C-alpha cells in the first residue's frame, strides 16, 4: 500500500501506512521474544520477519525523505540496515 500511494505522490498517506507496518512487525517480533506470547505464532521465522521489517523501515525512510524529514529518514534507513544485518539480507563489514 505504501509503495502504491508513494507512486501516486500521496506521501503523507504512504508514510502513515509505512509507520503502521513498522509498528506491526516490530510488535510481532517482540511477541515472539515473549515465551507466553510466542506460542500464538506457529511457523513464523525470525528471518522472514526481519526481511519484512527491513522493507517496512526502508519504505518509511523513503517517505520521510520525500517529505524532507532527513533526520528521521536517516534514523529509519539505519534501522532498516540493522534488521537487514539480522536477516542476512546483506553482509556488511
PDB file of N, CA and C in Angstrom:
ATOM      1  N   UNK A   1       0.839  -1.181   0.000  1.00  0.00           N
ATOM      2  CA  UNK A   1       0.000   0.000   0.000  1.00  0.00           C
ATOM      3  C   UNK A   1       0.886   1.248   0.000  1.00  0.00           C
ATOM      4  N   UNK A   2       1.935   1.208   0.793  1.00  0.00           N
ATOM      5  CA  UNK A   2       2.844   2.354   0.864  1.00  0.00           C
ATOM      6  C   UNK A   2       3.434   2.662  -0.505  1.00  0.00           C
ATOM      7  N   UNK A   3       3.935   1.657  -1.191  1.00  0.00           N
ATOM      8  CA  UNK A   3       4.570   1.872  -2.494  1.00  0.00           C
ATOM      9  C   UNK A   3       3.582   2.424  -3.518  1.00  0.00           C
ATOM     10  N   UNK A   4       2.356   1.921  -3.480  1.00  0.00           N
ATOM     11  CA  UNK A   4       1.339   2.409  -4.420  1.00  0.00           C
ATOM     12  C   UNK A   4       1.017   3.866  -4.143  1.00  0.00           C
ATOM     13  N   UNK A   5       0.783   4.189  -2.879  1.00  0.00           N
ATOM     14  CA  UNK A   5       0.474   5.575  -2.530  1.00  0.00           C
ATOM     15  C   UNK A   5       1.630   6.503  -2.862  1.00  0.00           C
ATOM     16  N   UNK A   6       2.843   6.042  -2.634  1.00  0.00           N
ATOM     17  CA  UNK A   6       4.006   6.858  -2.953  1.00  0.00           C
ATOM     18  C   UNK A   6       4.090   7.138  -4.447  1.00  0.00           C
ATOM     19  N   UNK A   7       3.827   6.114  -5.264  1.00  0.00           N
ATOM     20  CA  UNK A   7       3.891   6.321  -6.714  1.00  0.00           C
ATOM     21  C   UNK A   7       2.811   7.277  -7.198  1.00  0.00           C
ATOM     22  N   UNK A   8       1.747   7.411  -6.417  1.00  0.00           N
ATOM     23  CA  UNK A   8       0.678   8.362  -6.734  1.00  0.00           C
ATOM     24  C   UNK A   8       0.940   9.733  -6.108  1.00  0.00           C
ATOM     25  N   UNK A   9       2.141   9.904  -5.539  1.00  0.00           N
ATOM     26  CA  UNK A   9       2.544  11.165  -4.892  1.00  0.00           C
ATOM     27  C   UNK A   9       1.706  11.491  -3.661  1.00  0.00           C
ATOM     28  N   UNK A  10       1.167  10.458  -3.031  1.00  0.00           N
ATOM     29  CA  UNK A  10       0.369  10.626  -1.819  1.00  0.00           C
ATOM     30  C   UNK A  10       1.252  10.227  -0.622  1.00  0.00           C
ATOM     31  N   UNK A  11       2.296  11.034  -0.409  1.00  0.00           N
ATOM     32  CA  UNK A  11       3.343  10.681   0.545  1.00  0.00           C
ATOM     33  C   UNK A  11       2.894  10.716   2.000  1.00  0.00           C
ATOM     34  N   UNK A  12       1.988  11.588   2.347  1.00  0.00           N
ATOM     35  CA  UNK A  12       1.510  11.630   3.742  1.00  0.00           C
ATOM     36  C   UNK A  12       0.825  10.313   4.092  1.00  0.00           C
ATOM     37  N   UNK A  13      -0.044   9.846   3.212  1.00  0.00           N
ATOM     38  CA  UNK A  13      -0.731   8.579   3.455  1.00  0.00           C
ATOM     39  C   UNK A  13       0.241   7.406   3.396  1.00  0.00           C
ATOM     40  N   UNK A  14       1.165   7.453   2.452  1.00  0.00           N
ATOM     41  CA  UNK A  14       2.149   6.376   2.319  1.00  0.00           C
ATOM     42  C   UNK A  14       2.988   6.266   3.589  1.00  0.00           C
ATOM     43  N   UNK A  15       3.373   7.421   4.132  1.00  0.00           N
ATOM     44  CA  UNK A  15       4.167   7.429   5.360  1.00  0.00           C
ATOM     45  C   UNK A  15       3.385   6.813   6.515  1.00  0.00           C
ATOM     46  N   UNK A  16       2.105   7.116   6.583  1.00  0.00           N
ATOM     47  CA  UNK A  16       1.266   6.556   7.651  1.00  0.00           C
ATOM     48  C   UNK A  16       1.235   5.027   7.559  1.00  0.00           C
ATOM     49  N   UNK A  17       1.037   4.499   6.360  1.00  0.00           N
ATOM     50  CA  UNK A  17       0.993   3.049   6.195  1.00  0.00           C
ATOM     51  C   UNK A  17       2.351   2.414   6.470  1.00  0.00           C
ATOM     52  N   UNK A  18       3.417   3.082   6.077  1.00  0.00           N
ATOM     53  CA  UNK A  18       4.756   2.560   6.349  1.00  0.00           C
ATOM     54  C   UNK A  18       5.005   2.489   7.853  1.00  0.00           C
ATOM     55  N   UNK A  19       4.612   3.532   8.580  1.00  0.00           N
ATOM     56  CA  UNK A  19       4.792   3.534  10.029  1.00  0.00           C
ATOM     57  C   UNK A  19       3.963   2.431  10.680  1.00  0.00           C
ATOM     58  N   UNK A  20       2.740   2.241  10.213  1.00  0.00           N
ATOM     59  CA  UNK A  20       1.903   1.171  10.754  1.00  0.00           C
ATOM     60  C   UNK A  20       2.531  -0.198  10.496  1.00  0.00           C
ATOM     61  N   UNK A  21       3.131  -0.379   9.331  1.00  0.00           N
ATOM     62  CA  UNK A  21       3.788  -1.648   9.017  1.00  0.00           C
ATOM     63  C   UNK A  21       4.968  -1.892   9.958  1.00  0.00           C
ATOM     64  N   UNK A  22       5.793  -0.859  10.155  1.00  0.00           N
ATOM     65  CA  UNK A  22       6.928  -0.981  11.079  1.00  0.00           C
ATOM     66  C   UNK A  22       6.423  -1.361  12.464  1.00  0.00           C
ATOM     67  N   UNK A  23       5.441  -0.635  12.965  1.00  0.00           N
ATOM     68  CA  UNK A  23       4.923  -0.879  14.311  1.00  0.00           C
ATOM     69  C   UNK A  23       4.362  -2.295  14.442  1.00  0.00           C
ATOM     70  N   UNK A  24       3.627  -2.728  13.434  1.00  0.00           N
ATOM     71  CA  UNK A  24       3.004  -4.056  13.481  1.00  0.00           C
ATOM     72  C   UNK A  24       4.066  -5.161  13.497  1.00  0.00           C
ATOM     73  N   UNK A  25       5.032  -5.073  12.608  1.00  0.00           N
ATOM     74  CA  UNK A  25       6.045  -6.130  12.540  1.00  0.00           C
ATOM     75  C   UNK A  25       6.938  -6.106  13.778  1.00  0.00           C
ATOM     76  N   UNK A  26       7.311  -4.928  14.257  1.00  0.00           N
ATOM     77  CA  UNK A  26       8.107  -4.865  15.485  1.00  0.00           C
ATOM     78  C   UNK A  26       7.330  -5.446  16.669  1.00  0.00           C
ATOM     79  N   UNK A  27       6.029  -5.217  16.703  1.00  0.00           N
ATOM     80  CA  UNK A  27       5.194  -5.810  17.753  1.00  0.00           C
ATOM     81  C   UNK A  27       5.198  -7.323  17.681  1.00  0.00           C
ATOM     82  N   UNK A  28       5.158  -7.856  16.485  1.00  0.00           N
ATOM     83  CA  UNK A  28       5.193  -9.309  16.304  1.00  0.00           C
ATOM     84  C   UNK A  28       6.547  -9.862  16.737  1.00  0.00           C
ATOM     85  N   UNK A  29       7.626  -9.188  16.366  1.00  0.00           N
ATOM     86  CA  UNK A  29       8.963  -9.626  16.787  1.00  0.00           C
ATOM     87  C   UNK A  29       9.058  -9.625  18.309  1.00  0.00           C
ATOM     88  N   UNK A  30       8.538  -8.591  18.933  1.00  0.00           N
ATOM     89  CA  UNK A  30       8.552  -8.514  20.407  1.00  0.00           C
ATOM     90  C   UNK A  30       7.739  -9.659  21.013  1.00  0.00           C
ATOM     91  N   UNK A  31       6.578  -9.947  20.432  1.00  0.00           N
ATOM     92  CA  UNK A  31       5.754 -11.050  20.924  1.00  0.00           C
ATOM     93  C   UNK A  31       6.491 -12.386  20.833  1.00  0.00           C
ATOM     94  N   UNK A  32       7.243 -12.579  19.758  1.00  0.00           N
ATOM     95  CA  UNK A  32       7.983 -13.831  19.587  1.00  0.00           C
ATOM     96  C   UNK A  32       9.072 -14.006  20.640  1.00  0.00           C
ATOM     97  N   UNK A  33       9.542 -12.906  21.193  1.00  0.00           N
ATOM     98  CA  UNK A  33      10.570 -12.967  22.228  1.00  0.00           C
ATOM     99  C   UNK A  33       9.983 -13.252  23.609  1.00  0.00           C
ATOM    100  N   UNK A  34       8.670 -13.190  23.723  1.00  0.00           N
ATOM    101  CA  UNK A  34       7.975 -13.442  24.990  1.00  0.00           C
ATOM    102  C   UNK A  34       7.454 -14.881  24.981  1.00  0.00           C
ATOM    103  N   UNK A  35       7.962 -15.723  25.882  1.00  0.00           N
ATOM    104  CA  UNK A  35       7.531 -17.132  25.888  1.00  0.00           C
ATOM    105  C   UNK A  35       6.013 -17.310  26.032  1.00  0.00           C
ATOM    106  N   UNK A  36       5.362 -16.405  26.737  1.00  0.00           N
ATOM    107  CA  UNK A  36       3.920 -16.520  26.926  1.00  0.00           C
ATOM    108  C   UNK A  36       3.140 -16.169  25.666  1.00  0.00           C
ATOM    109  N   UNK A  37       3.703 -15.365  24.786  1.00  0.00           N
ATOM    110  CA  UNK A  37       3.011 -14.938  23.570  1.00  0.00           C
ATOM    111  C   UNK A  37       3.479 -15.654  22.319  1.00  0.00           C
ATOM    112  N   UNK A  38       4.700 -16.178  22.339  1.00  0.00           N
ATOM    113  CA  UNK A  38       5.278 -16.749  21.126  1.00  0.00           C
ATOM    114  C   UNK A  38       4.506 -17.957  20.616  1.00  0.00           C
ATOM    115  N   UNK A  39       3.778 -18.651  21.494  1.00  0.00           N
ATOM    116  CA  UNK A  39       3.026 -19.823  21.058  1.00  0.00           C
ATOM    117  C   UNK A  39       1.887 -19.453  20.096  1.00  0.00           C
ATOM    118  N   UNK A  40       1.525 -18.181  20.023  1.00  0.00           N
ATOM    119  CA  UNK A  40       0.478 -17.729  19.097  1.00  0.00           C
ATOM    120  C   UNK A  40       0.973 -17.704  17.657  1.00  0.00           C
ATOM    121  N   UNK A  41       2.286 -17.755  17.469  1.00  0.00           N
ATOM    122  CA  UNK A  41       2.883 -17.595  16.145  1.00  0.00           C
ATOM    123  C   UNK A  41       3.528 -18.902  15.701  1.00  0.00           C
ATOM    124  N   UNK A  42       2.715 -19.795  15.204  1.00  0.00           N
ATOM    125  CA  UNK A  42       3.203 -21.078  14.718  1.00  0.00           C
ATOM    126  C   UNK A  42       3.822 -20.867  13.329  1.00  0.00           C
ATOM    127  N   UNK A  43       4.967 -21.465  13.096  1.00  0.00           N
ATOM    128  CA  UNK A  43       5.638 -21.433  11.783  1.00  0.00           C
ATOM    129  C   UNK A  43       6.013 -20.032  11.306  1.00  0.00           C
ATOM    130  N   UNK A  44       6.274 -19.118  12.216  1.00  0.00           N
ATOM    131  CA  UNK A  44       6.764 -17.792  11.842  1.00  0.00           C
ATOM    132  C   UNK A  44       8.248 -17.768  12.181  1.00  0.00           C
ATOM    133  N   UNK A  45       9.069 -17.509  11.179  1.00  0.00           N
ATOM    134  CA  UNK A  45      10.501 -17.497  11.457  1.00  0.00           C
ATOM    135  C   UNK A  45      11.013 -16.060  11.519  1.00  0.00           C
ATOM    136  N   UNK A  46      12.046 -15.888  12.317  1.00  0.00           N
ATOM    137  CA  UNK A  46      12.605 -14.551  12.535  1.00  0.00           C
ATOM    138  C   UNK A  46      13.167 -13.948  11.253  1.00  0.00           C
ATOM    139  N   UNK A  47      13.836 -14.750  10.426  1.00  0.00           N
ATOM    140  CA  UNK A  47      14.406 -14.190   9.191  1.00  0.00           C
ATOM    141  C   UNK A  47      13.337 -13.557   8.323  1.00  0.00           C
ATOM    142  N   UNK A  48      12.207 -14.214   8.210  1.00  0.00           N
ATOM    143  CA  UNK A  48      11.114 -13.666   7.405  1.00  0.00           C
ATOM    144  C   UNK A  48      10.619 -12.340   7.982  1.00  0.00           C
ATOM    145  N   UNK A  49      10.477 -12.291   9.298  1.00  0.00           N
ATOM    146  CA  UNK A  49      10.042 -11.046   9.938  1.00  0.00           C
ATOM    147  C   UNK A  49      11.102  -9.960   9.811  1.00  0.00           C
ATOM    148  N   UNK A  50      12.373 -10.325   9.942  1.00  0.00           N
ATOM    149  CA  UNK A  50      13.438  -9.337   9.785  1.00  0.00           C
ATOM    150  C   UNK A  50      13.462  -8.799   8.357  1.00  0.00           C
ATOM    151  N   UNK A  51      13.227  -9.658   7.372  1.00  0.00           N
ATOM    152  CA  UNK A  51      13.142  -9.197   5.982  1.00  0.00           C
ATOM    153  C   UNK A  51      11.999  -8.201   5.829  1.00  0.00           C
ATOM    154  N   UNK A  52      10.856  -8.546   6.401  1.00  0.00           N
ATOM    155  CA  UNK A  52       9.663  -7.706   6.276  1.00  0.00           C
ATOM    156  C   UNK A  52       9.855  -6.361   6.962  1.00  0.00           C
ATOM    157  N   UNK A  53      10.422  -6.366   8.160  1.00  0.00           N
ATOM    158  CA  UNK A  53      10.613  -5.102   8.879  1.00  0.00           C
ATOM    159  C   UNK A  53      11.704  -4.262   8.215  1.00  0.00           C
ATOM    160  N   UNK A  54      12.668  -4.898   7.580  1.00  0.00           N
ATOM    161  CA  UNK A  54      13.673  -4.156   6.815  1.00  0.00           C
ATOM    162  C   UNK A  54      13.005  -3.363   5.703  1.00  0.00           C
ATOM    163  N   UNK A  55      12.125  -4.020   4.967  1.00  0.00           N
ATOM    164  CA  UNK A  55      11.404  -3.359   3.875  1.00  0.00           C
ATOM    165  C   UNK A  55      10.514  -2.245   4.417  1.00  0.00           C
ATOM    166  N   UNK A  56       9.837  -2.514   5.522  1.00  0.00           N
ATOM    167  CA  UNK A  56       8.955  -1.505   6.118  1.00  0.00           C
ATOM    168  C   UNK A  56       9.751  -0.270   6.548  1.00  0.00           C
ATOM    169  N   UNK A  57      10.907  -0.489   7.196  1.00  0.00           N
ATOM    170  CA  UNK A  57      11.750   0.641   7.610  1.00  0.00           C
ATOM    171  C   UNK A  57      12.239   1.418   6.395  1.00  0.00           C
ATOM    172  N   UNK A  58      12.634   0.691   5.331  1.00  0.00           N
ATOM    173  CA  UNK A  58      13.114   1.360   4.123  1.00  0.00           C
ATOM    174  C   UNK A  58      12.004   2.202   3.504  1.00  0.00           C
ATOM    175  N   UNK A  59      10.790   1.642   3.427  1.00  0.00           N
ATOM    176  CA  UNK A  59       9.655   2.399   2.879  1.00  0.00           C
ATOM    177  C   UNK A  59       9.380   3.650   3.702  1.00  0.00           C
ATOM    178  N   UNK A  60       9.425   3.513   5.025  1.00  0.00           N
ATOM    179  CA  UNK A  60       9.207   4.673   5.888  1.00  0.00           C
ATOM    180  C   UNK A  60      10.293   5.723   5.640  1.00  0.00           C
ATOM    181  N   UNK A  61      11.531   5.294   5.547  1.00  0.00           N
ATOM    182  CA  UNK A  61      12.632   6.226   5.306  1.00  0.00           C
ATOM    183  C   UNK A  61      12.452   6.955   3.980  1.00  0.00           C
ATOM    184  N   UNK A  62      12.042   6.234   2.955  1.00  0.00           N
ATOM    185  CA  UNK A  62      11.844   6.859   1.647  1.00  0.00           C
ATOM    186  C   UNK A  62      10.757   7.927   1.714  1.00  0.00           C
ATOM    187  N   UNK A  63       9.685   7.642   2.437  1.00  0.00           N
ATOM    188  CA  UNK A  63       8.606   8.629   2.567  1.00  0.00           C
ATOM    189  C   UNK A  63       9.066   9.833   3.396  1.00  0.00           C
ATOM    190  N   UNK A  64       9.831   9.588   4.432  1.00  0.00           N
ATOM    191  CA  UNK A  64      10.360  10.692   5.227  1.00  0.00           C
ATOM    192  C   UNK A  64      11.274  11.561   4.368  1.00  0.00           C
ATOM    193  N   UNK A  65      12.047  10.915   3.522  1.00  0.00           N
ATOM    194  CA  UNK A  65      12.930  11.660   2.625  1.00  0.00           C
ATOM    195  C   UNK A  65      12.123  12.498   1.627  1.00  0.00           C
ATOM    196  N   UNK A  66      11.055  11.903   1.074  1.00  0.00           N
ATOM    197  CA  UNK A  66      10.184  12.660   0.162  1.00  0.00           C
ATOM    198  C   UNK A  66       9.615  13.903   0.836  1.00  0.00           C
ATOM    199  N   UNK A  67       9.376  13.808   2.134  1.00  0.00           N
ATOM    200  CA  UNK A  67       8.772  14.907   2.872  1.00  0.00           C
ATOM    201  C   UNK A  67       9.844  15.807   3.514  1.00  0.00           C
ATOM    202  N   UNK A  68      11.100  15.569   3.135  1.00  0.00           N
ATOM    203  CA  UNK A  68      12.231  16.372   3.591  1.00  0.00           C
ATOM    204  C   UNK A  68      12.480  16.284   5.096  1.00  0.00           C
ATOM    205  N   UNK A  69      12.072  15.173   5.700  1.00  0.00           N
ATOM    206  CA  UNK A  69      12.382  14.903   7.106  1.00  0.00           C
ATOM    207  C   UNK A  69      13.661  14.062   7.134  1.00  0.00           C
ATOM    208  N   UNK A  70      14.763  14.711   6.842  1.00  0.00           N
ATOM    209  CA  UNK A  70      16.001  13.988   6.581  1.00  0.00           C
ATOM    210  C   UNK A  70      16.587  13.322   7.817  1.00  0.00           C
ATOM    211  N   UNK A  71      16.448  13.947   8.976  1.00  0.00           N
ATOM    212  CA  UNK A  71      16.955  13.323  10.207  1.00  0.00           C
ATOM    213  C   UNK A  71      16.194  12.027  10.490  1.00  0.00           C
ATOM    214  N   UNK A  72      14.865  12.089  10.396  1.00  0.00           N
ATOM    215  CA  UNK A  72      14.055  10.886  10.606  1.00  0.00           C
ATOM    216  C   UNK A  72      14.359   9.831   9.546  1.00  0.00           C
ATOM    217  N   UNK A  73      14.566  10.274   8.316  1.00  0.00           N
ATOM    218  CA  UNK A  73      14.875   9.334   7.231  1.00  0.00           C
ATOM    219  C   UNK A  73      16.182   8.596   7.519  1.00  0.00           C
ATOM    220  N   UNK A  74      17.185   9.327   7.974  1.00  0.00           N
ATOM    221  CA  UNK A  74      18.460   8.688   8.298  1.00  0.00           C
ATOM    222  C   UNK A  74      18.279   7.655   9.408  1.00  0.00           C
ATOM    223  N   UNK A  75      17.515   8.008  10.435  1.00  0.00           N
ATOM    224  CA  UNK A  75      17.242   7.060  11.523  1.00  0.00           C
ATOM    225  C   UNK A  75      16.538   5.812  10.998  1.00  0.00           C
ATOM    226  N   UNK A  76      15.586   5.999  10.098  1.00  0.00           N
ATOM    227  CA  UNK A  76      14.843   4.858   9.558  1.00  0.00           C
ATOM    228  C   UNK A  76      15.707   4.009   8.633  1.00  0.00           C
ATOM    229  N   UNK A  77      16.543   4.647   7.822  1.00  0.00           N
ATOM    230  CA  UNK A  77      17.471   3.876   6.980  1.00  0.00           C
ATOM    231  C   UNK A  77      18.436   3.072   7.854  1.00  0.00           C
ATOM    232  N   UNK A  78      18.873   3.666   8.965  1.00  0.00           N
ATOM    233  CA  UNK A  78      19.761   2.967   9.891  1.00  0.00           C
ATOM    234  C   UNK A  78      19.054   1.759  10.513  1.00  0.00           C
ATOM    235  N   UNK A  79      17.792   1.932  10.880  1.00  0.00           N
ATOM    236  CA  UNK A  79      17.016   0.811  11.424  1.00  0.00           C
ATOM    237  C   UNK A  79      16.849  -0.282  10.367  1.00  0.00           C
ATOM    238  N   UNK A  80      16.602   0.112   9.130  1.00  0.00           N
ATOM    239  CA  UNK A  80      16.481  -0.880   8.045  1.00  0.00           C
ATOM    240  C   UNK A  80      17.776  -1.670   7.911  1.00  0.00           C
ATOM    241  N   UNK A  81      18.895  -0.977   7.979  1.00  0.00           N
ATOM    242  CA  UNK A  81      20.183  -1.655   7.868  1.00  0.00           C
ATOM    243  C   UNK A  81      20.400  -2.628   9.026  1.00  0.00           C
ATOM    244  N   UNK A  82      19.996  -2.222  10.222  1.00  0.00           N
ATOM    245  CA  UNK A  82      20.135  -3.080  11.408  1.00  0.00           C
ATOM    246  C   UNK A  82      19.383  -4.395  11.216  1.00  0.00           C
ATOM    247  N   UNK A  83      18.154  -4.321  10.745  1.00  0.00           N
ATOM    248  CA  UNK A  83      17.373  -5.542  10.558  1.00  0.00           C
ATOM    249  C   UNK A  83      17.821  -6.319   9.330  1.00  0.00           C
ATOM    250  N   UNK A  84      18.365  -5.639   8.331  1.00  0.00           N
ATOM    251  CA  UNK A  84      18.924  -6.341   7.172  1.00  0.00           C
ATOM    252  C   UNK A  84      20.100  -7.214   7.608  1.00  0.00           C
ATOM    253  N   UNK A  85      20.909  -6.694   8.509  1.00  0.00           N
ATOM    254  CA  UNK A  85      22.030  -7.480   9.037  1.00  0.00           C
ATOM    255  C   UNK A  85      21.521  -8.700   9.804  1.00  0.00           C
ATOM    256  N   UNK A  86      20.478  -8.520  10.590  1.00  0.00           N
ATOM    257  CA  UNK A  86      19.922  -9.635  11.371  1.00  0.00           C
ATOM    258  C   UNK A  86      19.329 -10.711  10.473  1.00  0.00           C
ATOM    259  N   UNK A  87      18.800 -10.310   9.333  1.00  0.00           N
ATOM    260  CA  UNK A  87      18.139 -11.274   8.459  1.00  0.00           C
ATOM    261  C   UNK A  87      19.090 -11.862   7.427  1.00  0.00           C
ATOM    262  N   UNK A  88      20.325 -11.401   7.428  1.00  0.00           N
ATOM    263  CA  UNK A  88      21.305 -11.839   6.452  1.00  0.00           C
ATOM    264  C   UNK A  88      20.935 -11.442   5.028  1.00  0.00           C
ATOM    265  N   UNK A  89      20.132 -10.388   4.873  1.00  0.00           N
ATOM    266  CA  UNK A  89      19.850  -9.872   3.543  1.00  0.00           C
ATOM    267  C   UNK A  89      21.142  -9.347   2.933  1.00  0.00           C
ATOM    268  N   UNK A  90      21.908  -8.650   3.766  1.00  0.00           N
ATOM    269  CA  UNK A  90      23.169  -8.094   3.289  1.00  0.00           C
ATOM    270  C   UNK A  90      24.268  -8.444   4.280  1.00  0.00           C
ATOM    271  N   UNK A  91      25.444  -8.487   3.787  1.00  0.00           N
ATOM    272  CA  UNK A  91      26.604  -8.709   4.649  1.00  0.00           C
ATOM    273  C   UNK A  91      27.428  -7.437   4.621  1.00  0.00           C
ATOM    274  N   UNK A  92      27.520  -6.806   5.765  1.00  0.00           N
ATOM    275  CA  UNK A  92      28.292  -5.576   5.879  1.00  0.00           C
ATOM    276  C   UNK A  92      29.498  -5.823   6.771  1.00  0.00           C
ATOM    277  N   UNK A  93      30.586  -5.173   6.435  1.00  0.00           N
ATOM    278  CA  UNK A  93      31.812  -5.325   7.244  1.00  0.00           C
ATOM    279  C   UNK A  93      31.918  -4.195   8.222  1.00  0.00           C
TER     280      UNK A  93
END
